């Protein structure tokens, strides 16, 4: 656990805007993860009605979970705390521009806005380069680095049809 003296607060808190205060909380979480060897230097908070409803820092290496990025951890925390699978009316404050996986999760969660501190270039400069993933997303299937092969579509389409006609489904 980090101590108050280990935190870097660049501006007197009373002089910060509300957005800067929430961003500082995300940055504090990034330091917390770094100091506790939980994963990369990334933190995130989710805010609704001026309250932090979700917190997360990168826990990839400590949890052996490649999806345990700060934003994903914070989204899971916020959804659990709010009892919902969407974050309508929420704001996300993250210490770094979201990677492709986190960006996808953010769009699925549907917050109203995302603020970020470090850029994806800043992350690449310290060894967290996502450019290959961005490139792969637009590459044809047969040109991707990891083979992605269609298989079993006929059977899988039957389940899609069941979903399409299901009367008691929860749409999202």
Protein backbone atom coordinates (compact mmCIF):
# COMPACT_ATOMS: atom_id res chain seq x y z
CA UNK A 1 0.00 0.00 0.00
CA UNK A 2 1.24 3.49 -0.72
CA UNK A 3 1.49 6.27 1.84
CA UNK A 4 0.30 9.83 1.39
CA UNK A 5 3.91 11.05 1.21
CA UNK A 6 4.55 8.76 -1.79
CA UNK A 7 1.86 10.49 -3.84
CA UNK A 8 2.78 13.27 -6.21
CA UNK A 9 0.22 16.07 -6.10
CA UNK A 10 1.35 18.73 -8.59
CA UNK A 11 -1.17 21.41 -7.59
CA UNK A 12 -2.82 22.26 -4.29
CA UNK A 13 -6.05 20.25 -4.37
CA UNK A 14 -8.21 23.26 -3.56
CA UNK A 15 -6.97 24.94 -6.77
CA UNK A 16 -7.87 22.00 -9.00
CA UNK A 17 -10.98 21.77 -11.14
CA UNK A 18 -13.34 18.90 -10.43
CA UNK A 19 -11.99 17.13 -13.52
CA UNK A 20 -8.40 17.55 -12.33
CA UNK A 21 -9.31 16.16 -8.89
CA UNK A 22 -10.86 13.05 -10.41
CA UNK A 23 -7.94 12.66 -12.81
CA UNK A 24 -5.55 12.94 -9.88
CA UNK A 25 -7.39 10.02 -8.26
CA UNK A 26 -6.81 7.96 -11.43
CA UNK A 27 -3.13 8.96 -11.42
CA UNK A 28 -2.90 8.04 -7.72
CA UNK A 29 -4.25 4.59 -8.57
CA UNK A 30 -1.63 4.22 -11.30
CA UNK A 31 1.05 4.93 -8.70
CA UNK A 32 -0.60 2.54 -6.23
CA UNK A 33 -0.37 -0.31 -8.74
CA UNK A 34 3.22 0.57 -9.57
CA UNK A 35 4.27 0.74 -5.90
CA UNK A 36 2.57 -2.59 -5.13
CA UNK A 37 3.85 -4.43 -8.23
CA UNK A 38 0.32 -5.18 -9.37
CA UNK A 39 0.89 -4.38 -13.04
CA UNK A 40 1.63 -1.51 -15.39
CA UNK A 41 1.41 2.16 -14.36
CA UNK A 42 -2.24 2.73 -15.20
CA UNK A 43 -5.20 3.88 -13.08
CA UNK A 44 -8.84 4.71 -13.67
CA UNK A 45 -11.84 6.07 -11.79
CA UNK A 46 -15.47 6.21 -12.86
CA UNK A 47 -17.65 9.04 -11.60
CA UNK A 48 -21.42 9.39 -11.41
CA UNK A 49 -23.21 12.29 -9.75
CA UNK A 50 -19.90 13.67 -8.43
CA UNK A 51 -19.05 10.40 -6.65
CA UNK A 52 -16.42 7.84 -7.56
CA UNK A 53 -18.39 4.66 -8.23
CA UNK A 54 -15.58 2.55 -9.70
CA UNK A 55 -11.83 2.30 -9.21
CA UNK A 56 -9.18 0.27 -10.94
CA UNK A 57 -5.50 0.01 -11.50
CA UNK A 58 -3.67 -2.32 -13.85
CA UNK A 59 -3.48 -5.81 -12.30
CA UNK A 60 -2.36 -7.83 -15.30
CA UNK A 61 0.78 -9.35 -13.76
CA UNK A 62 -0.50 -9.76 -10.20
CA UNK A 63 -3.71 -11.52 -11.28
CA UNK A 64 -2.32 -13.34 -14.34
CA UNK A 65 -5.18 -11.81 -16.29
CA UNK A 66 -4.34 -10.04 -19.58
CA UNK A 67 -7.72 -8.27 -19.43
CA UNK A 68 -7.10 -6.72 -16.00
CA UNK A 69 -6.33 -3.27 -17.39
CA UNK A 70 -7.22 -0.29 -15.19
CA UNK A 71 -10.27 0.66 -17.25
CA UNK A 72 -11.64 -2.90 -17.31
CA UNK A 73 -11.14 -3.28 -13.55
CA UNK A 74 -12.84 0.09 -12.94
CA UNK A 75 -15.74 -0.73 -15.29
CA UNK A 76 -16.32 -4.04 -13.50
CA UNK A 77 -16.17 -2.28 -10.12
CA UNK A 78 -18.57 0.49 -11.18
CA UNK A 79 -21.06 -1.91 -12.75
CA UNK A 80 -21.01 -4.06 -9.62
CA UNK A 81 -21.49 -1.02 -7.38
CA UNK A 82 -24.26 0.45 -9.53
CA UNK A 83 -25.99 -2.87 -10.22
CA UNK A 84 -26.01 -2.36 -13.97
CA UNK A 85 -24.14 -3.45 -17.09
CA UNK A 86 -23.99 0.05 -18.56
CA UNK A 87 -22.49 3.27 -17.28
CA UNK A 88 -24.96 5.80 -18.64
CA UNK A 89 -24.38 9.23 -17.11
CA UNK A 90 -20.88 8.26 -15.92
CA UNK A 91 -17.53 9.87 -16.62
CA UNK A 92 -14.31 7.88 -16.99
CA UNK A 93 -11.00 9.36 -15.88
CA UNK A 94 -8.03 7.25 -16.93
CA UNK A 95 -4.33 7.92 -16.53
CA UNK A 96 -3.64 6.91 -20.15
CA UNK A 97 -5.45 6.90 -23.48
CA UNK A 98 -7.36 3.60 -23.57
CA UNK A 99 -5.93 0.67 -25.52
CA UNK A 100 -8.13 -1.04 -28.15
CA UNK A 101 -9.50 -3.59 -25.66
CA UNK A 102 -10.38 -0.94 -23.10
CA UNK A 103 -11.81 1.34 -25.75
CA UNK A 104 -14.12 -1.48 -26.85
CA UNK A 105 -15.22 -2.08 -23.24
CA UNK A 106 -15.80 1.65 -22.77
CA UNK A 107 -18.04 1.80 -25.83
CA UNK A 108 -20.00 -1.23 -24.61
CA UNK A 109 -20.41 0.41 -21.18
CA UNK A 110 -21.67 3.66 -22.77
CA UNK A 111 -20.36 6.38 -20.44
CA UNK A 112 -21.02 9.99 -21.41
CA UNK A 113 -17.35 11.07 -21.60
CA UNK A 114 -13.77 9.82 -21.20
CA UNK A 115 -10.85 11.93 -19.95
CA UNK A 116 -7.26 10.66 -20.28
CA UNK A 117 -3.85 11.92 -19.17
CA UNK A 118 -0.97 10.17 -20.96
CA UNK A 119 -1.28 9.52 -24.69
CA UNK A 120 -0.86 6.18 -26.45
CA UNK A 121 2.50 7.49 -27.71
CA UNK A 122 3.59 8.17 -24.11
CA UNK A 123 2.65 4.56 -23.29
CA UNK A 124 4.52 3.24 -26.35
CA UNK A 125 7.61 5.19 -25.26
CA UNK A 126 7.79 3.13 -22.04
CA UNK A 127 7.06 -0.24 -23.66
CA UNK A 128 3.25 -0.37 -23.87
CA UNK A 129 2.84 -0.10 -27.64
CA UNK A 130 -0.61 -1.00 -28.97
CA UNK A 131 0.02 -0.03 -32.59
CA UNK A 132 0.20 -3.66 -33.71
CA UNK A 133 -3.31 -4.27 -32.35
CA UNK A 134 -4.69 -1.17 -34.07
CA UNK A 135 -3.12 -2.45 -37.32
CA UNK A 136 -4.52 -5.96 -36.83
CA UNK A 137 -8.04 -4.66 -36.31
CA UNK A 138 -8.19 -3.34 -39.87
CA UNK A 139 -6.22 -6.16 -41.52
CA UNK A 140 -8.00 -8.83 -43.55
CA UNK A 141 -8.45 -12.08 -41.60
CA UNK A 142 -5.97 -13.95 -43.79
CA UNK A 143 -3.29 -11.34 -43.16
CA UNK A 144 -3.42 -11.23 -39.34
CA UNK A 145 -0.49 -12.33 -37.19
CA UNK A 146 -2.68 -14.75 -35.21
CA UNK A 147 -4.79 -16.94 -37.51
CA UNK A 148 -8.50 -16.22 -37.11
CA UNK A 149 -10.45 -18.95 -38.90
CA UNK A 150 -14.24 -19.16 -39.39
CA UNK A 151 -15.66 -22.48 -38.19
CA UNK A 152 -19.13 -23.83 -37.30
CA UNK A 153 -21.19 -20.91 -38.60
CA UNK A 154 -24.27 -23.00 -39.51
CA UNK A 155 -24.72 -24.29 -35.95
CA UNK A 156 -23.89 -20.94 -34.38
CA UNK A 157 -26.44 -19.14 -36.57
CA UNK A 158 -29.17 -21.34 -35.05
CA UNK A 159 -28.43 -19.83 -31.64
CA UNK A 160 -28.53 -16.32 -33.13
CA UNK A 161 -32.00 -17.13 -34.50
CA UNK A 162 -33.07 -18.31 -31.04
CA UNK A 163 -31.86 -15.01 -29.59
CA UNK A 164 -33.64 -13.06 -32.32
CA UNK A 165 -36.98 -14.68 -31.39
CA UNK A 166 -36.47 -14.80 -27.61
CA UNK A 167 -39.23 -12.72 -26.03
CA UNK A 168 -37.77 -12.23 -22.55
CA UNK A 169 -34.27 -11.08 -23.58
CA UNK A 170 -32.51 -8.10 -22.07
CA UNK A 171 -31.29 -5.95 -24.94
CA UNK A 172 -28.00 -4.12 -24.76
